[in-house]
């Protein structure tokens, strides 16, 4: 976590201006992650995680001003988790009453076709997100639980849902459509939605600002490489293709997910291994990918295994790299010209070996990394390609919490300017609705120092 310089800690809200802070929340099935963000200066003032919700050994961590408070205790449910988090702000700091919380921004995994942009939350929006649970059964119900509890405990603050899928609502039909019998696809919402959109949005905008270029003039490939991994092709700030599909399972090889796989593998294993749908789901999502091939999905451990001569680990990395190169080549064809390849997320930001090997052999296409630049460890965005290349290769730390905070501010501001209400108490009347379907341009986030990147979903 990035904390304020020592001389600012006595008044950490001095730079907030009129908007105050934004509380960003990410509610998982058994966890709650939160961060108090300065949307103007960009720093994370405080952050925390509450894990193992519903178990007897809940783990609670709260970080503020360089200090971390950790304890273990039972956490019955998300309501108790959020109450604990709010109490920690008062006990450890910073007091939310002093932080002038302008909005609460909620990460929501799946917005389906309904939500092409962030939206103010009311009862109707909550229900719509829950109705999308068949597309994200592990995530959307948990997201709604967190939103519902937060609205009850913080009823006087606007709540904004920011969707992982929204950035990819701009995909052309040729990219979003599966060649599946169209009536079935339409009935069950089967199409490419894409994920990690907040990260891809943020990174593409950040690339333009770092280079001092207009975003609309750039063709960018963003490689979000963490335990989950995705690639996107971004033309002029608009996503035109992405690797994840109906779910986050499609695309690149990931820590525990297969990525692209012949659908007939499902039929083959169901018939010959007598595997159920749930067993296949578990196999493809949790027991495959790098871990399935090498028995380990931590890339530091993977490199150690390779150095020790482990052939399984070497093959796992080769498969991972091969898939990445295929997507780079495909997106070169989609975009016609690549100005920038941007690496981000845990592996993309920190693993110089992976970065070098991904572009190995692509020098003939004007893509390469400079060994010295690539070896530099920094939390700052930077160019790592040599001066002669036609395509810049960059490392750009993702700041999803900051992006959610700024998008939340934009939605609240926009609604206030329109003279509409921005807060909706729980159990609001049926007449109070939001307008989730209006498309919006994907704006750049303002440049400033940023909080620490989240290390992946």
Protein backbone atom coordinates (compact mmCIF):
# COMPACT_ATOMS: atom_id res chain seq x y z
CA UNK A 1 0.00 0.00 0.00
CA UNK A 2 1.21 3.50 -0.80
CA UNK A 3 0.91 5.77 2.24
CA UNK A 4 1.21 9.51 2.57
CA UNK A 5 4.60 11.13 3.18
CA UNK A 6 5.38 11.70 6.85
CA UNK A 7 4.76 15.44 6.69
CA UNK A 8 1.19 14.90 5.39
CA UNK A 9 0.05 12.19 7.78
CA UNK A 10 -1.25 14.59 10.41
CA UNK A 11 -3.88 15.73 7.91
CA UNK A 12 -4.24 13.01 5.28
CA UNK A 13 -7.32 14.63 3.72
CA UNK A 14 -5.75 17.99 2.89
CA UNK A 15 -5.49 17.22 -0.83
CA UNK A 16 -8.98 15.82 -1.34
CA UNK A 17 -10.63 19.02 -2.42
CA UNK A 18 -14.40 19.08 -2.66
CA UNK A 19 -14.85 15.36 -3.20
CA UNK A 20 -13.32 13.94 -0.05
CA UNK A 21 -12.47 10.25 -0.19
CA UNK A 22 -14.03 7.18 -1.80
CA UNK A 23 -14.42 3.86 0.01
CA UNK A 24 -13.84 1.07 -2.51
CA UNK A 25 -15.22 -2.37 -1.67
CA UNK A 26 -14.74 -5.81 -3.22
CA UNK A 27 -16.98 -8.46 -1.66
CA UNK A 28 -16.10 -12.07 -2.43
CA UNK A 29 -17.90 -15.22 -1.40
CA UNK A 30 -15.88 -15.47 1.83
CA UNK A 31 -13.90 -12.24 1.89
CA UNK A 32 -14.15 -8.48 2.00
CA UNK A 33 -11.44 -6.20 0.64
CA UNK A 34 -11.67 -2.46 1.09
CA UNK A 35 -9.59 0.62 0.44
CA UNK A 36 -10.08 4.28 1.31
CA UNK A 37 -8.82 6.21 -1.69
CA UNK A 38 -8.06 9.85 -2.39
CA UNK A 39 -9.45 10.17 -5.92
CA UNK A 40 -7.65 13.46 -6.51
CA UNK A 41 -4.13 12.69 -5.31
CA UNK A 42 -4.48 8.99 -6.05
CA UNK A 43 -3.07 7.54 -2.86
CA UNK A 44 -4.57 4.81 -0.72
CA UNK A 45 -5.09 6.27 2.73
CA UNK A 46 -6.05 2.97 4.33
CA UNK A 47 -6.85 -0.55 3.21
CA UNK A 48 -7.86 -3.86 4.66
CA UNK A 49 -8.98 -7.42 4.09
CA UNK A 50 -11.31 -9.68 6.04
CA UNK A 51 -10.99 -13.31 4.98
CA UNK A 52 -12.65 -16.60 5.91
CA UNK A 53 -16.02 -14.98 6.49
CA UNK A 54 -18.41 -17.56 7.93
CA UNK A 55 -15.60 -19.56 9.53
CA UNK A 56 -14.32 -19.70 13.09
CA UNK A 57 -10.85 -18.43 12.18
CA UNK A 58 -11.51 -15.21 10.30
CA UNK A 59 -8.41 -13.17 9.44
CA UNK A 60 -8.66 -9.39 9.72
CA UNK A 61 -6.02 -6.96 8.45
CA UNK A 62 -6.20 -3.16 8.41
CA UNK A 63 -3.39 -0.93 7.11
CA UNK A 64 -3.01 2.78 7.80
CA UNK A 65 -0.03 5.15 7.81
CA UNK A 66 2.48 2.36 7.29
CA UNK A 67 1.17 0.21 10.14
CA UNK A 68 -0.78 -3.05 9.84
CA UNK A 69 -3.21 -4.32 12.46
CA UNK A 70 -3.85 -8.08 12.25
CA UNK A 71 -6.08 -10.31 14.32
CA UNK A 72 -8.01 -13.56 14.07
CA UNK A 73 -11.58 -14.00 15.28
CA UNK A 74 -14.84 -15.52 14.04
CA UNK A 75 -16.62 -13.42 11.40
CA UNK A 76 -20.18 -14.66 11.01
CA UNK A 77 -21.20 -12.97 7.78
CA UNK A 78 -20.59 -9.99 5.49
CA UNK A 79 -22.64 -7.70 7.72
CA UNK A 80 -20.34 -8.42 10.64
CA UNK A 81 -17.29 -8.12 8.37
CA UNK A 82 -18.27 -4.63 7.27
CA UNK A 83 -19.09 -3.59 10.83
CA UNK A 84 -15.61 -4.76 11.86
CA UNK A 85 -14.04 -2.81 9.00
CA UNK A 86 -15.90 0.37 9.93
CA UNK A 87 -14.94 -0.02 13.58
CA UNK A 88 -11.27 -0.40 12.58
CA UNK A 89 -11.37 2.96 10.85
CA UNK A 90 -12.40 4.49 14.18
CA UNK A 91 -10.02 2.40 16.30
CA UNK A 92 -6.90 2.47 14.11
CA UNK A 93 -7.64 5.26 11.68
CA UNK A 94 -8.48 7.19 9.73
CA UNK A 95 -11.89 8.14 11.15
CA UNK A 96 -14.39 8.04 8.30
CA UNK A 97 -16.23 10.99 9.82
CA UNK A 98 -13.10 13.05 9.17
CA UNK A 99 -12.44 11.55 5.74
CA UNK A 100 -15.53 13.13 4.14
CA UNK A 101 -16.53 9.97 2.27
CA UNK A 102 -18.02 11.16 -1.03
CA UNK A 103 -19.07 7.76 -2.38
CA UNK A 104 -18.72 4.01 -1.93
CA UNK A 105 -17.54 2.24 -5.07
CA UNK A 106 -18.32 -1.47 -5.38
CA UNK A 107 -16.51 -3.83 -7.71
CA UNK A 108 -19.06 -6.06 -9.47
CA UNK A 109 -17.75 -8.90 -11.62
CA UNK A 110 -20.53 -9.31 -14.21
CA UNK A 111 -22.72 -6.59 -15.67
CA UNK A 112 -24.06 -8.70 -18.52
CA UNK A 113 -25.48 -6.79 -21.48
CA UNK A 114 -27.46 -4.47 -19.16
CA UNK A 115 -24.62 -2.47 -17.66
CA UNK A 116 -22.25 -0.78 -20.08
CA UNK A 117 -21.01 1.72 -17.51
CA UNK A 118 -20.93 2.26 -13.74
CA UNK A 119 -24.29 3.01 -12.16
CA UNK A 120 -25.70 4.39 -8.92
CA UNK A 121 -27.11 1.56 -6.83
CA UNK A 122 -30.73 1.31 -5.74
CA UNK A 123 -32.92 -1.71 -5.01
CA UNK A 124 -33.66 -2.29 -8.68
CA UNK A 125 -29.98 -2.27 -9.62
CA UNK A 126 -29.21 -4.70 -6.78
CA UNK A 127 -31.83 -7.09 -8.13
CA UNK A 128 -30.54 -6.76 -11.69
CA UNK A 129 -27.03 -7.65 -10.55
CA UNK A 130 -28.41 -10.65 -8.67
CA UNK A 131 -30.39 -11.70 -11.75
CA UNK A 132 -27.05 -11.97 -13.58
CA UNK A 133 -25.86 -14.62 -11.12
CA UNK A 134 -26.17 -17.44 -13.70
CA UNK A 135 -23.34 -15.73 -15.60
CA UNK A 136 -21.18 -15.34 -12.47
CA UNK A 137 -22.56 -17.68 -9.79
CA UNK A 138 -19.53 -17.39 -7.49
CA UNK A 139 -19.18 -13.63 -7.74
CA UNK A 140 -22.36 -11.64 -8.33
CA UNK A 141 -24.32 -12.97 -5.31
CA UNK A 142 -21.36 -12.13 -3.07
CA UNK A 143 -21.05 -8.69 -4.68
CA UNK A 144 -24.73 -8.02 -3.99
CA UNK A 145 -24.39 -9.17 -0.39
CA UNK A 146 -21.60 -6.65 0.14
CA UNK A 147 -23.53 -3.87 -1.57
CA UNK A 148 -26.68 -4.56 0.44
CA UNK A 149 -24.86 -4.56 3.76
CA UNK A 150 -22.91 -1.42 2.88
CA UNK A 151 -26.07 0.42 1.91
CA UNK A 152 -27.64 -0.48 5.26
CA UNK A 153 -24.62 0.65 7.28
CA UNK A 154 -23.77 3.70 5.15
CA UNK A 155 -27.21 4.89 3.95
CA UNK A 156 -26.33 8.56 3.49
CA UNK A 157 -23.52 8.03 0.98
CA UNK A 158 -24.00 7.33 -2.75
CA UNK A 159 -23.16 3.74 -3.69
CA UNK A 160 -21.83 3.04 -7.19
CA UNK A 161 -21.48 -0.34 -8.90
CA UNK A 162 -18.46 -0.57 -11.21
CA UNK A 163 -18.52 -3.60 -13.51
CA UNK A 164 -15.54 -5.67 -14.65
CA UNK A 165 -17.34 -6.24 -17.95
CA UNK A 166 -18.30 -2.63 -18.74
CA UNK A 167 -15.15 -1.62 -20.64
CA UNK A 168 -15.79 -4.44 -23.10
CA UNK A 169 -19.37 -3.44 -23.88
CA UNK A 170 -17.84 -1.65 -26.88
CA UNK A 171 -16.70 -4.89 -28.54
CA UNK A 172 -17.89 -5.13 -32.15
CA UNK A 173 -20.39 -7.90 -32.77
CA UNK A 174 -17.83 -9.86 -34.76
CA UNK A 175 -15.69 -10.04 -31.60
CA UNK A 176 -18.45 -10.56 -29.03
CA UNK A 177 -20.50 -13.15 -30.93
CA UNK A 178 -19.94 -16.89 -30.64
CA UNK A 179 -20.81 -19.03 -33.68
CA UNK A 180 -23.56 -20.74 -31.71
CA UNK A 181 -27.16 -21.25 -32.83
CA UNK A 182 -28.43 -17.71 -32.34
CA UNK A 183 -31.76 -18.38 -30.58
CA UNK A 184 -30.01 -20.41 -27.87
CA UNK A 185 -27.25 -17.83 -27.50
CA UNK A 186 -29.76 -14.99 -27.16
CA UNK A 187 -32.00 -16.85 -24.72
CA UNK A 188 -29.17 -17.67 -22.33
CA UNK A 189 -27.01 -14.58 -22.79
CA UNK A 190 -24.14 -16.48 -24.39
CA UNK A 191 -21.61 -14.01 -25.81
CA UNK A 192 -18.16 -12.63 -25.07
CA UNK A 193 -18.31 -10.21 -22.13
CA UNK A 194 -14.66 -9.93 -21.08
CA UNK A 195 -13.31 -9.29 -17.58
CA UNK A 196 -10.63 -7.24 -15.79
CA UNK A 197 -12.17 -4.33 -17.69
CA UNK A 198 -11.43 -1.76 -15.00
CA UNK A 199 -7.75 -2.69 -15.18
CA UNK A 200 -7.61 -2.65 -18.99
CA UNK A 201 -9.39 0.72 -19.01
CA UNK A 202 -7.04 2.22 -16.44
CA UNK A 203 -3.84 0.89 -18.01
CA UNK A 204 -4.68 2.00 -21.55
CA UNK A 205 -5.40 5.52 -20.31
CA UNK A 206 -2.25 5.55 -18.21
CA UNK A 207 -0.13 4.54 -21.22
CA UNK A 208 -1.29 7.62 -23.10
CA UNK A 209 -0.58 9.96 -20.20
CA UNK A 210 2.88 8.54 -19.53
CA UNK A 211 3.81 8.90 -23.21
CA UNK A 212 2.22 12.33 -23.54
CA UNK A 213 0.11 11.04 -26.43
CA UNK A 214 -3.58 11.27 -27.20
CA UNK A 215 -5.30 8.02 -26.29
CA UNK A 216 -7.42 8.16 -29.43
CA UNK A 217 -4.23 7.99 -31.53
CA UNK A 218 -2.89 4.78 -29.95
CA UNK A 219 -3.36 1.08 -30.64
CA UNK A 220 -2.55 -0.81 -27.44
CA UNK A 221 -2.39 -4.44 -26.37
CA UNK A 222 -2.86 -4.75 -22.60
CA UNK A 223 -1.64 -7.98 -20.97
CA UNK A 224 -3.15 -8.30 -17.49
CA UNK A 225 -1.12 -11.18 -16.09
CA UNK A 226 -1.86 -12.35 -12.58
CA UNK A 227 -3.30 -15.59 -11.23
CA UNK A 228 -6.15 -14.75 -13.56
CA UNK A 229 -4.94 -13.38 -16.89
CA UNK A 230 -6.47 -11.58 -19.84
CA UNK A 231 -5.42 -9.71 -22.95
CA UNK A 232 -7.18 -6.88 -24.74
CA UNK A 233 -6.87 -5.00 -28.01
CA UNK A 234 -7.63 -1.30 -27.49
CA UNK A 235 -7.98 1.07 -30.44
CA UNK A 236 -8.17 4.75 -29.58
CA UNK A 237 -9.24 4.02 -26.01
CA UNK A 238 -12.02 1.64 -27.10
CA UNK A 239 -11.77 -2.11 -26.54
CA UNK A 240 -12.19 -4.05 -29.80
CA UNK A 241 -11.27 -7.54 -28.58
CA UNK A 242 -10.42 -9.40 -25.40
CA UNK A 243 -9.41 -12.91 -24.44
CA UNK A 244 -11.91 -13.74 -21.68
CA UNK A 245 -15.40 -14.62 -22.81
CA UNK A 246 -18.73 -15.55 -21.27
CA UNK A 247 -16.74 -16.26 -18.10
CA UNK A 248 -13.15 -15.61 -16.97
CA UNK A 249 -12.23 -19.18 -18.01
CA UNK A 250 -11.57 -18.45 -21.68
CA UNK A 251 -8.36 -17.12 -23.18
CA UNK A 252 -4.85 -17.15 -21.77
CA UNK A 253 -3.42 -19.96 -19.67
CA UNK A 254 -3.82 -18.86 -16.04
CA UNK A 255 -2.69 -19.87 -12.59
CA UNK A 256 -5.40 -22.51 -12.14
CA UNK A 257 -7.60 -22.07 -15.25
CA UNK A 258 -7.22 -23.79 -18.61
CA UNK A 259 -7.88 -20.81 -20.81
CA UNK A 260 -8.86 -21.74 -24.38
CA UNK A 261 -9.75 -25.41 -24.69
CA UNK A 262 -11.67 -27.54 -27.20
CA UNK A 263 -15.29 -27.67 -25.90
CA UNK A 264 -15.36 -31.35 -26.84
CA UNK A 265 -13.01 -32.00 -23.91
CA UNK A 266 -16.12 -31.55 -21.74
CA UNK A 267 -17.99 -34.26 -23.64
CA UNK A 268 -14.96 -36.54 -23.67
CA UNK A 269 -14.42 -36.37 -19.90
CA UNK A 270 -18.13 -36.57 -19.10
CA UNK A 271 -18.48 -39.73 -21.17
CA UNK A 272 -15.19 -41.46 -20.47
CA UNK A 273 -14.28 -40.27 -16.96
CA UNK A 274 -17.92 -40.05 -15.80
CA UNK A 275 -17.25 -36.51 -14.53
CA UNK A 276 -20.18 -34.32 -13.49
CA UNK A 277 -20.64 -30.68 -14.50
CA UNK A 278 -19.48 -29.55 -11.04
CA UNK A 279 -16.40 -31.77 -11.24
CA UNK A 280 -15.54 -30.41 -14.68
CA UNK A 281 -16.07 -26.85 -13.46
CA UNK A 282 -13.68 -27.49 -10.58
CA UNK A 283 -11.14 -29.15 -12.89
CA UNK A 284 -11.08 -26.36 -15.46
CA UNK A 285 -11.19 -23.44 -13.01
CA UNK A 286 -9.22 -24.63 -9.97
CA UNK A 287 -7.02 -27.59 -10.91
CA UNK A 288 -5.70 -26.70 -14.34
CA UNK A 289 -3.54 -23.98 -15.88
CA UNK A 290 0.02 -23.61 -14.58
CA UNK A 291 -0.88 -25.45 -11.37
CA UNK A 292 -2.38 -28.36 -13.27
CA UNK A 293 0.71 -28.75 -15.43
CA UNK A 294 3.43 -28.05 -12.86
CA UNK A 295 1.76 -28.53 -9.47
CA UNK A 296 2.57 -24.90 -8.60
CA UNK A 297 1.04 -21.60 -9.70
CA UNK A 298 3.40 -19.21 -7.90
CA UNK A 299 5.71 -17.97 -10.66
CA UNK A 300 8.65 -17.50 -8.30
CA UNK A 301 8.41 -21.16 -7.33
CA UNK A 302 7.89 -22.08 -10.98
CA UNK A 303 11.16 -20.41 -11.99
CA UNK A 304 12.96 -22.21 -9.14
CA UNK A 305 11.59 -25.55 -10.36
CA UNK A 306 12.73 -24.80 -13.91
CA UNK A 307 16.21 -23.85 -12.67
CA UNK A 308 16.33 -27.20 -10.85
CA UNK A 309 15.58 -29.04 -14.09
CA UNK A 310 11.88 -29.79 -13.56
CA UNK A 311 10.49 -30.66 -17.00
CA UNK A 312 6.84 -30.26 -15.97
CA UNK A 313 7.51 -26.69 -14.84
CA UNK A 314 9.36 -25.91 -18.07
CA UNK A 315 6.49 -27.24 -20.16
CA UNK A 316 3.96 -25.26 -18.12
CA UNK A 317 5.83 -22.02 -18.77
CA UNK A 318 6.26 -22.87 -22.46
CA UNK A 319 2.51 -23.46 -22.83
CA UNK A 320 1.79 -20.19 -21.01
CA UNK A 321 4.17 -18.20 -23.23
CA UNK A 322 2.97 -19.87 -26.43
CA UNK A 323 -0.62 -18.83 -25.70
CA UNK A 324 0.44 -15.25 -24.95
CA UNK A 325 2.35 -14.96 -28.23
CA UNK A 326 -0.66 -16.30 -30.14
CA UNK A 327 -2.84 -13.55 -28.68
CA UNK A 328 -0.27 -10.86 -29.44
CA UNK A 329 -0.17 -12.05 -33.05
CA UNK A 330 -3.96 -12.20 -33.26
CA UNK A 331 -4.33 -8.68 -31.91
CA UNK A 332 -1.72 -7.38 -34.34
CA UNK A 333 -4.07 -8.62 -37.07
CA UNK A 334 -7.13 -7.12 -35.35
CA UNK A 335 -5.53 -3.71 -34.78
CA UNK A 336 -3.44 -3.52 -37.94
CA UNK A 337 -0.73 -1.64 -36.04
CA UNK A 338 0.52 -1.94 -32.47
CA UNK A 339 1.93 1.16 -30.82
CA UNK A 340 2.27 -0.25 -27.30
CA UNK A 341 2.23 -3.58 -25.49
CA UNK A 342 1.55 -2.92 -21.79
CA UNK A 343 2.24 -5.55 -19.11
CA UNK A 344 0.29 -5.22 -15.86
CA UNK A 345 -0.94 -7.09 -12.73
CA UNK A 346 1.13 -9.33 -10.44
CA UNK A 347 3.10 -11.36 -12.99
CA UNK A 348 3.12 -8.69 -15.68
CA UNK A 349 4.48 -6.04 -13.34
CA UNK A 350 7.01 -8.11 -11.41
CA UNK A 351 8.27 -11.01 -13.54
CA UNK A 352 11.00 -9.79 -15.89
CA UNK A 353 11.68 -13.36 -17.05
CA UNK A 354 8.14 -13.80 -18.34
CA UNK A 355 8.16 -10.38 -20.01
CA UNK A 356 11.42 -11.12 -21.83
CA UNK A 357 10.33 -14.56 -22.94
CA UNK A 358 6.90 -13.46 -24.15
CA UNK A 359 8.47 -11.16 -26.76
CA UNK A 360 11.41 -13.44 -27.54
CA UNK A 361 11.59 -14.00 -31.29
CA UNK A 362 9.34 -11.04 -32.12
CA UNK A 363 12.14 -8.61 -33.01
CA UNK A 364 11.33 -9.06 -36.70
CA UNK A 365 7.92 -7.57 -35.92
CA UNK A 366 9.49 -4.60 -34.15
CA UNK A 367 8.83 -5.97 -30.65
CA UNK A 368 11.61 -6.52 -28.09
CA UNK A 369 12.68 -5.64 -24.55
CA UNK A 370 15.95 -4.09 -23.43
CA UNK A 371 17.52 -6.42 -20.81
CA UNK A 372 18.66 -3.60 -18.52
CA UNK A 373 15.40 -1.68 -18.67
CA UNK A 374 13.40 -4.87 -18.20
CA UNK A 375 15.38 -5.81 -15.08
CA UNK A 376 14.55 -2.56 -13.26
CA UNK A 377 12.16 -3.08 -10.32
CA UNK A 378 9.86 -0.12 -9.85
CA UNK A 379 6.25 0.69 -9.03
CA UNK A 380 6.33 3.44 -11.66
CA UNK A 381 5.09 3.04 -15.25
CA UNK A 382 8.05 2.68 -17.60
CA UNK A 383 9.18 1.76 -21.11
CA UNK A 384 11.27 -1.42 -21.22
CA UNK A 385 11.81 -1.73 -24.99
CA UNK A 386 15.01 -0.59 -26.74
CA UNK A 387 14.96 2.68 -28.67
CA UNK A 388 14.93 1.04 -32.11
CA UNK A 389 11.64 -0.84 -31.85
CA UNK A 390 8.52 0.27 -33.70
CA UNK A 391 6.33 -0.99 -30.83
CA UNK A 392 6.89 0.28 -27.31
CA UNK A 393 6.82 -2.35 -24.57
CA UNK A 394 5.81 -0.95 -21.18
CA UNK A 395 5.20 -2.01 -17.60
CA UNK A 396 2.21 -0.16 -16.17
CA UNK A 397 1.09 -1.01 -12.61
CA UNK A 398 -2.67 -1.39 -12.49
CA UNK A 399 -4.65 0.59 -9.93
CA UNK A 400 -8.13 -0.91 -10.02
CA UNK A 401 -9.22 0.62 -6.70
CA UNK A 402 -8.21 4.08 -7.87
CA UNK A 403 -10.02 3.55 -11.16
CA UNK A 404 -13.17 2.44 -9.31
CA UNK A 405 -12.91 5.48 -7.03
CA UNK A 406 -12.62 7.91 -9.92
CA UNK A 407 -15.37 6.28 -11.95
CA UNK A 408 -17.60 6.47 -8.86
CA UNK A 409 -16.91 10.19 -8.50
CA UNK A 410 -17.71 10.74 -12.19
CA UNK A 411 -21.08 8.99 -11.89
CA UNK A 412 -22.07 10.90 -8.75
CA UNK A 413 -20.99 14.22 -10.27
CA UNK A 414 -22.85 13.50 -13.48
CA UNK A 415 -26.02 12.61 -11.58
CA UNK A 416 -25.80 15.69 -9.37
CA UNK A 417 -25.39 17.93 -12.42
CA UNK A 418 -28.52 16.36 -13.89
CA UNK A 419 -30.41 17.28 -10.72
CA UNK A 420 -31.18 13.67 -9.82
CA UNK A 421 -30.93 12.00 -6.39
CA UNK A 422 -27.65 10.22 -5.66
CA UNK A 423 -28.59 8.23 -2.55
CA UNK A 424 -31.23 5.50 -2.32
CA UNK A 425 -32.01 4.02 1.10
CA UNK A 426 -32.44 0.24 1.18
CA UNK A 427 -35.96 -0.91 0.31
CA UNK A 428 -36.47 2.17 -1.83
CA UNK A 429 -39.76 2.60 -3.61
CA UNK A 430 -40.20 0.95 -6.97
CA UNK A 431 -40.27 4.35 -8.60
CA UNK A 432 -36.63 5.13 -7.88
CA UNK A 433 -34.55 3.73 -10.69
CA UNK A 434 -31.18 4.18 -12.26
CA UNK A 435 -30.27 4.28 -15.92
CA UNK A 436 -27.73 1.51 -16.43
CA UNK A 437 -28.00 1.03 -20.15
CA UNK A 438 -26.83 4.40 -21.49
CA UNK A 439 -23.44 3.93 -23.15
CA UNK A 440 -20.57 6.16 -22.15
CA UNK A 441 -17.14 6.90 -23.52
CA UNK A 442 -14.37 5.33 -21.50
CA UNK A 443 -12.52 8.29 -19.95
CA UNK A 444 -8.91 8.44 -18.90
CA UNK A 445 -8.29 8.62 -15.18
CA UNK A 446 -6.45 11.71 -13.98
CA UNK A 447 -2.72 11.41 -13.53
CA UNK A 448 -1.28 11.47 -10.02
CA UNK A 449 0.49 9.14 -7.59
CA UNK A 450 -1.42 5.87 -7.23
CA UNK A 451 -2.14 3.26 -4.57
CA UNK A 452 -0.66 -0.20 -4.64
CA UNK A 453 -2.02 -2.47 -7.34
CA UNK A 454 -4.37 -5.22 -6.31
CA UNK A 455 -2.77 -8.56 -7.00
CA UNK A 456 -5.52 -10.20 -8.87
CA UNK A 457 -8.82 -11.92 -9.02
